[in-house]
Amino acid sequence: MGITESRKLIRDFLKRCVEYADESIKRKKERGEDEGEISKWIAYRDFTEHAVMEVESGELDSWLEEGS
C-alpha cells in the first residue's frame, strides 16, 4: 500500500473517530453527565481533528514510509 492509500485509510478512520466522539458528546450532554467527562471527550475530538489535518496535509507522511 502506498502513502496516498495509507493516508486516505488513516484519514477516514480518524474522521470516523471524530464523528463517534461528536455523537458521544451529544449523548453525554443530553444525559446531563459530568462536565469533566465531557471535556475529556471534547479534548479527544479536538486532538483527533488536528491529527486528521496533519494526515491530510502530508505532514505525517514520514510515519507512513516503509521501515520508519
PDB file of N, CA and C in Angstrom:
ATOM      1  N   MET A   1       0.854  -1.180   0.000  1.00  0.00           N
ATOM      2  CA  MET A   1       0.000   0.000   0.000  1.00  0.00           C
ATOM      3  C   MET A   1       0.896   1.237   0.000  1.00  0.00           C
ATOM      4  N   GLY A   2       0.605   2.177  -0.876  1.00  0.00           N
ATOM      5  CA  GLY A   2       1.389   3.389  -0.969  1.00  0.00           C
ATOM      6  C   GLY A   2       0.978   4.427   0.069  1.00  0.00           C
ATOM      7  N   ILE A   3       1.753   5.484   0.120  1.00  0.00           N
ATOM      8  CA  ILE A   3       1.489   6.540   1.097  1.00  0.00           C
ATOM      9  C   ILE A   3       0.114   7.161   0.878  1.00  0.00           C
ATOM     10  N   THR A   4      -0.275   7.388  -0.368  1.00  0.00           N
ATOM     11  CA  THR A   4      -1.572   8.006  -0.644  1.00  0.00           C
ATOM     12  C   THR A   4      -2.715   7.154  -0.115  1.00  0.00           C
ATOM     13  N   GLU A   5      -2.619   5.839  -0.361  1.00  0.00           N
ATOM     14  CA  GLU A   5      -3.664   4.942   0.129  1.00  0.00           C
ATOM     15  C   GLU A   5      -3.658   4.859   1.653  1.00  0.00           C
ATOM     16  N   SER A   6      -2.463   4.804   2.228  1.00  0.00           N
ATOM     17  CA  SER A   6      -2.347   4.764   3.691  1.00  0.00           C
ATOM     18  C   SER A   6      -2.924   6.030   4.311  1.00  0.00           C
ATOM     19  N   ARG A   7      -2.590   7.176   3.709  1.00  0.00           N
ATOM     20  CA  ARG A   7      -3.089   8.457   4.213  1.00  0.00           C
ATOM     21  C   ARG A   7      -4.616   8.478   4.185  1.00  0.00           C
ATOM     22  N   LYS A   8      -5.200   8.015   3.098  1.00  0.00           N
ATOM     23  CA  LYS A   8      -6.660   8.007   2.980  1.00  0.00           C
ATOM     24  C   LYS A   8      -7.290   7.081   4.014  1.00  0.00           C
ATOM     25  N   LEU A   9      -6.717   5.891   4.184  1.00  0.00           N
ATOM     26  CA  LEU A   9      -7.240   4.934   5.145  1.00  0.00           C
ATOM     27  C   LEU A   9      -7.199   5.501   6.565  1.00  0.00           C
ATOM     28  N   ILE A  10      -6.075   6.082   6.924  1.00  0.00           N
ATOM     29  CA  ILE A  10      -5.929   6.657   8.265  1.00  0.00           C
ATOM     30  C   ILE A  10      -6.853   7.856   8.431  1.00  0.00           C
ATOM     31  N   ARG A  11      -6.908   8.723   7.432  1.00  0.00           N
ATOM     32  CA  ARG A  11      -7.787   9.885   7.492  1.00  0.00           C
ATOM     33  C   ARG A  11      -9.233   9.467   7.688  1.00  0.00           C
ATOM     34  N   ASP A  12      -9.684   8.501   6.923  1.00  0.00           N
ATOM     35  CA  ASP A  12     -11.071   8.047   7.032  1.00  0.00           C
ATOM     36  C   ASP A  12     -11.356   7.463   8.416  1.00  0.00           C
ATOM     37  N   PHE A  13     -10.406   6.687   8.943  1.00  0.00           N
ATOM     38  CA  PHE A  13     -10.567   6.128  10.282  1.00  0.00           C
ATOM     39  C   PHE A  13     -10.673   7.247  11.319  1.00  0.00           C
ATOM     40  N   LEU A  14      -9.766   8.210  11.249  1.00  0.00           N
ATOM     41  CA  LEU A  14      -9.777   9.305  12.220  1.00  0.00           C
ATOM     42  C   LEU A  14     -11.057  10.136  12.120  1.00  0.00           C
ATOM     43  N   LYS A  15     -11.547  10.332  10.909  1.00  0.00           N
ATOM     44  CA  LYS A  15     -12.801  11.072  10.752  1.00  0.00           C
ATOM     45  C   LYS A  15     -13.957  10.322  11.403  1.00  0.00           C
ATOM     46  N   ARG A  16     -13.948   9.011  11.303  1.00  0.00           N
ATOM     47  CA  ARG A  16     -14.980   8.206  11.970  1.00  0.00           C
ATOM     48  C   ARG A  16     -14.857   8.345  13.486  1.00  0.00           C
ATOM     49  N   CYS A  17     -13.637   8.434  13.976  1.00  0.00           N
ATOM     50  CA  CYS A  17     -13.424   8.638  15.409  1.00  0.00           C
ATOM     51  C   CYS A  17     -13.984   9.987  15.848  1.00  0.00           C
ATOM     52  N   VAL A  18     -13.786  11.017  15.032  1.00  0.00           N
ATOM     53  CA  VAL A  18     -14.327  12.341  15.342  1.00  0.00           C
ATOM     54  C   VAL A  18     -15.851  12.293  15.363  1.00  0.00           C
ATOM     55  N   GLU A  19     -16.436  11.636  14.377  1.00  0.00           N
ATOM     56  CA  GLU A  19     -17.894  11.509  14.337  1.00  0.00           C
ATOM     57  C   GLU A  19     -18.413  10.780  15.575  1.00  0.00           C
ATOM     58  N   TYR A  20     -17.739   9.712  15.965  1.00  0.00           N
ATOM     59  CA  TYR A  20     -18.139   8.957  17.151  1.00  0.00           C
ATOM     60  C   TYR A  20     -18.041   9.836  18.394  1.00  0.00           C
ATOM     61  N   ALA A  21     -16.953  10.587  18.502  1.00  0.00           N
ATOM     62  CA  ALA A  21     -16.779  11.478  19.648  1.00  0.00           C
ATOM     63  C   ALA A  21     -17.875  12.537  19.680  1.00  0.00           C
ATOM     64  N   ASP A  22     -18.196  13.122  18.536  1.00  0.00           N
ATOM     65  CA  ASP A  22     -19.268  14.132  18.483  1.00  0.00           C
ATOM     66  C   ASP A  22     -20.589  13.547  18.980  1.00  0.00           C
ATOM     67  N   GLU A  23     -20.901  12.338  18.529  1.00  0.00           N
ATOM     68  CA  GLU A  23     -22.147  11.693  18.963  1.00  0.00           C
ATOM     69  C   GLU A  23     -22.109  11.364  20.457  1.00  0.00           C
ATOM     70  N   SER A  24     -20.964  10.920  20.942  1.00  0.00           N
ATOM     71  CA  SER A  24     -20.828  10.619  22.367  1.00  0.00           C
ATOM     72  C   SER A  24     -20.988  11.873  23.213  1.00  0.00           C
ATOM     73  N   ILE A  25     -20.398  12.968  22.767  1.00  0.00           N
ATOM     74  CA  ILE A  25     -20.522  14.244  23.481  1.00  0.00           C
ATOM     75  C   ILE A  25     -21.987  14.657  23.532  1.00  0.00           C
ATOM     76  N   LYS A  26     -22.651  14.542  22.408  1.00  0.00           N
ATOM     77  CA  LYS A  26     -24.070  14.902  22.339  1.00  0.00           C
ATOM     78  C   LYS A  26     -24.888  14.070  23.329  1.00  0.00           C
ATOM     79  N   ARG A  27     -24.675  12.755  23.323  1.00  0.00           N
ATOM     80  CA  ARG A  27     -25.409  11.873  24.238  1.00  0.00           C
ATOM     81  C   ARG A  27     -25.108  12.197  25.695  1.00  0.00           C
ATOM     82  N   LYS A  28     -23.863  12.431  26.001  1.00  0.00           N
ATOM     83  CA  LYS A  28     -23.473  12.737  27.375  1.00  0.00           C
ATOM     84  C   LYS A  28     -24.108  14.041  27.843  1.00  0.00           C
ATOM     85  N   LYS A  29     -24.157  15.029  26.973  1.00  0.00           N
ATOM     86  CA  LYS A  29     -24.800  16.300  27.330  1.00  0.00           C
ATOM     87  C   LYS A  29     -26.294  16.099  27.551  1.00  0.00           C
ATOM     88  N   GLU A  30     -26.922  15.311  26.682  1.00  0.00           N
ATOM     89  CA  GLU A  30     -28.358  15.052  26.821  1.00  0.00           C
ATOM     90  C   GLU A  30     -28.679  14.332  28.133  1.00  0.00           C
ATOM     91  N   ARG A  31     -27.768  13.462  28.572  1.00  0.00           N
ATOM     92  CA  ARG A  31     -27.979  12.730  29.822  1.00  0.00           C
ATOM     93  C   ARG A  31     -27.568  13.539  31.040  1.00  0.00           C
ATOM     94  N   GLY A  32     -26.952  14.689  30.802  1.00  0.00           N
ATOM     95  CA  GLY A  32     -26.521  15.535  31.906  1.00  0.00           C
ATOM     96  C   GLY A  32     -25.308  14.990  32.645  1.00  0.00           C
ATOM     97  N   GLU A  33     -24.443  14.313  31.912  1.00  0.00           N
ATOM     98  CA  GLU A  33     -23.253  13.736  32.550  1.00  0.00           C
ATOM     99  C   GLU A  33     -22.286  14.827  32.990  1.00  0.00           C
ATOM    100  N   ASP A  34     -21.356  14.415  33.817  1.00  0.00           N
ATOM    101  CA  ASP A  34     -20.350  15.297  34.402  1.00  0.00           C
ATOM    102  C   ASP A  34     -19.581  16.070  33.325  1.00  0.00           C
ATOM    103  N   GLU A  35     -19.447  17.362  33.541  1.00  0.00           N
ATOM    104  CA  GLU A  35     -18.739  18.214  32.575  1.00  0.00           C
ATOM    105  C   GLU A  35     -17.273  17.820  32.435  1.00  0.00           C
ATOM    106  N   GLY A  36     -16.698  17.284  33.501  1.00  0.00           N
ATOM    107  CA  GLY A  36     -15.304  16.829  33.422  1.00  0.00           C
ATOM    108  C   GLY A  36     -15.141  15.698  32.429  1.00  0.00           C
ATOM    109  N   GLU A  37     -16.084  14.773  32.442  1.00  0.00           N
ATOM    110  CA  GLU A  37     -16.046  13.653  31.495  1.00  0.00           C
ATOM    111  C   GLU A  37     -16.284  14.158  30.067  1.00  0.00           C
ATOM    112  N   ILE A  38     -17.212  15.074  29.919  1.00  0.00           N
ATOM    113  CA  ILE A  38     -17.498  15.643  28.594  1.00  0.00           C
ATOM    114  C   ILE A  38     -16.279  16.392  28.065  1.00  0.00           C
ATOM    115  N   SER A  39     -15.596  17.113  28.928  1.00  0.00           N
ATOM    116  CA  SER A  39     -14.420  17.879  28.478  1.00  0.00           C
ATOM    117  C   SER A  39     -13.312  16.953  27.997  1.00  0.00           C
ATOM    118  N   LYS A  40     -13.204  15.754  28.575  1.00  0.00           N
ATOM    119  CA  LYS A  40     -12.221  14.778  28.096  1.00  0.00           C
ATOM    120  C   LYS A  40     -12.548  14.348  26.670  1.00  0.00           C
ATOM    121  N   TRP A  41     -13.835  14.120  26.407  1.00  0.00           N
ATOM    122  CA  TRP A  41     -14.253  13.734  25.060  1.00  0.00           C
ATOM    123  C   TRP A  41     -14.022  14.871  24.067  1.00  0.00           C
ATOM    124  N   ILE A  42     -14.258  16.093  24.506  1.00  0.00           N
ATOM    125  CA  ILE A  42     -14.025  17.247  23.630  1.00  0.00           C
ATOM    126  C   ILE A  42     -12.538  17.355  23.301  1.00  0.00           C
ATOM    127  N   ALA A  43     -11.675  17.171  24.296  1.00  0.00           N
ATOM    128  CA  ALA A  43     -10.227  17.223  24.064  1.00  0.00           C
ATOM    129  C   ALA A  43      -9.808  16.119  23.092  1.00  0.00           C
ATOM    130  N   TYR A  44     -10.352  14.912  23.268  1.00  0.00           N
ATOM    131  CA  TYR A  44     -10.052  13.803  22.361  1.00  0.00           C
ATOM    132  C   TYR A  44     -10.483  14.144  20.937  1.00  0.00           C
ATOM    133  N   ARG A  45     -11.711  14.671  20.816  1.00  0.00           N
ATOM    134  CA  ARG A  45     -12.214  15.022  19.490  1.00  0.00           C
ATOM    135  C   ARG A  45     -11.345  16.087  18.843  1.00  0.00           C
ATOM    136  N   ASP A  46     -10.992  17.125  19.606  1.00  0.00           N
ATOM    137  CA  ASP A  46     -10.165  18.204  19.054  1.00  0.00           C
ATOM    138  C   ASP A  46      -8.788  17.690  18.628  1.00  0.00           C
ATOM    139  N   PHE A  47      -8.181  16.846  19.445  1.00  0.00           N
ATOM    140  CA  PHE A  47      -6.880  16.278  19.111  1.00  0.00           C
ATOM    141  C   PHE A  47      -6.984  15.442  17.835  1.00  0.00           C
ATOM    142  N   THR A  48      -8.033  14.644  17.743  1.00  0.00           N
ATOM    143  CA  THR A  48      -8.221  13.776  16.580  1.00  0.00           C
ATOM    144  C   THR A  48      -8.470  14.602  15.326  1.00  0.00           C
ATOM    145  N   GLU A  49      -9.252  15.678  15.449  1.00  0.00           N
ATOM    146  CA  GLU A  49      -9.455  16.574  14.294  1.00  0.00           C
ATOM    147  C   GLU A  49      -8.134  17.155  13.825  1.00  0.00           C
ATOM    148  N   HIS A  50      -7.277  17.506  14.774  1.00  0.00           N
ATOM    149  CA  HIS A  50      -5.966  18.050  14.413  1.00  0.00           C
ATOM    150  C   HIS A  50      -5.132  16.985  13.692  1.00  0.00           C
ATOM    151  N   ALA A  51      -5.204  15.749  14.175  1.00  0.00           N
ATOM    152  CA  ALA A  51      -4.485  14.655  13.521  1.00  0.00           C
ATOM    153  C   ALA A  51      -4.978  14.459  12.087  1.00  0.00           C
ATOM    154  N   VAL A  52      -6.281  14.591  11.874  1.00  0.00           N
ATOM    155  CA  VAL A  52      -6.832  14.485  10.513  1.00  0.00           C
ATOM    156  C   VAL A  52      -6.176  15.529   9.614  1.00  0.00           C
ATOM    157  N   MET A  53      -6.076  16.758  10.101  1.00  0.00           N
ATOM    158  CA  MET A  53      -5.467  17.834   9.302  1.00  0.00           C
ATOM    159  C   MET A  53      -4.009  17.511   8.987  1.00  0.00           C
ATOM    160  N   GLU A  54      -3.283  16.950   9.964  1.00  0.00           N
ATOM    161  CA  GLU A  54      -1.878  16.607   9.723  1.00  0.00           C
ATOM    162  C   GLU A  54      -1.745  15.479   8.711  1.00  0.00           C
ATOM    163  N   VAL A  55      -2.614  14.497   8.795  1.00  0.00           N
ATOM    164  CA  VAL A  55      -2.575  13.393   7.830  1.00  0.00           C
ATOM    165  C   VAL A  55      -2.918  13.904   6.438  1.00  0.00           C
ATOM    166  N   GLU A  56      -3.981  14.706   6.327  1.00  0.00           N
ATOM    167  CA  GLU A  56      -4.408  15.218   5.014  1.00  0.00           C
ATOM    168  C   GLU A  56      -3.329  16.081   4.366  1.00  0.00           C
ATOM    169  N   SER A  57      -2.616  16.852   5.169  1.00  0.00           N
ATOM    170  CA  SER A  57      -1.607  17.763   4.621  1.00  0.00           C
ATOM    171  C   SER A  57      -0.334  17.046   4.182  1.00  0.00           C
ATOM    172  N   GLY A  58      -0.189  15.788   4.610  1.00  0.00           N
ATOM    173  CA  GLY A  58       1.025  15.046   4.286  1.00  0.00           C
ATOM    174  C   GLY A  58       2.124  15.258   5.318  1.00  0.00           C
ATOM    175  N   GLU A  59       1.826  16.026   6.352  1.00  0.00           N
ATOM    176  CA  GLU A  59       2.823  16.336   7.379  1.00  0.00           C
ATOM    177  C   GLU A  59       3.368  15.070   8.052  1.00  0.00           C
ATOM    178  N   LEU A  60       2.556  14.026   8.128  1.00  0.00           N
ATOM    179  CA  LEU A  60       2.970  12.800   8.799  1.00  0.00           C
ATOM    180  C   LEU A  60       3.370  11.695   7.815  1.00  0.00           C
ATOM    181  N   ASP A  61       3.585  12.051   6.565  1.00  0.00           N
ATOM    182  CA  ASP A  61       3.937  11.040   5.567  1.00  0.00           C
ATOM    183  C   ASP A  61       5.168  10.235   5.957  1.00  0.00           C
ATOM    184  N   SER A  62       6.117  10.853   6.643  1.00  0.00           N
ATOM    185  CA  SER A  62       7.320  10.114   7.032  1.00  0.00           C
ATOM    186  C   SER A  62       6.973   8.955   7.964  1.00  0.00           C
ATOM    187  N   TRP A  63       5.863   9.068   8.680  1.00  0.00           N
ATOM    188  CA  TRP A  63       5.413   7.983   9.560  1.00  0.00           C
ATOM    189  C   TRP A  63       4.890   6.807   8.748  1.00  0.00           C
ATOM    190  N   LEU A  64       4.494   7.059   7.512  1.00  0.00           N
ATOM    191  CA  LEU A  64       3.872   6.030   6.681  1.00  0.00           C
ATOM    192  C   LEU A  64       4.841   5.336   5.752  1.00  0.00           C
ATOM    193  N   GLU A  65       6.086   5.786   5.740  1.00  0.00           N
ATOM    194  CA  GLU A  65       7.092   5.205   4.844  1.00  0.00           C
ATOM    195  C   GLU A  65       7.555   3.869   5.389  1.00  0.00           C
ATOM    196  N   GLU A  66       7.832   2.952   4.505  1.00  0.00           N
ATOM    197  CA  GLU A  66       8.326   1.624   4.884  1.00  0.00           C
ATOM    198  C   GLU A  66       9.616   1.776   5.678  1.00  0.00           C
ATOM    199  N   GLY A  67       9.735   0.998   6.747  1.00  0.00           N
ATOM    200  CA  GLY A  67      10.957   0.991   7.534  1.00  0.00           C
ATOM    201  C   GLY A  67      11.123   2.160   8.478  1.00  0.00           C
ATOM    202  N   SER A  68      10.077   2.996   8.614  1.00  0.00           N
ATOM    203  CA  SER A  68      10.188   4.148   9.516  1.00  0.00           C
ATOM    204  C   SER A  68       9.912   3.750  10.934  1.00  0.00           C
TER     205      SER A  68
END
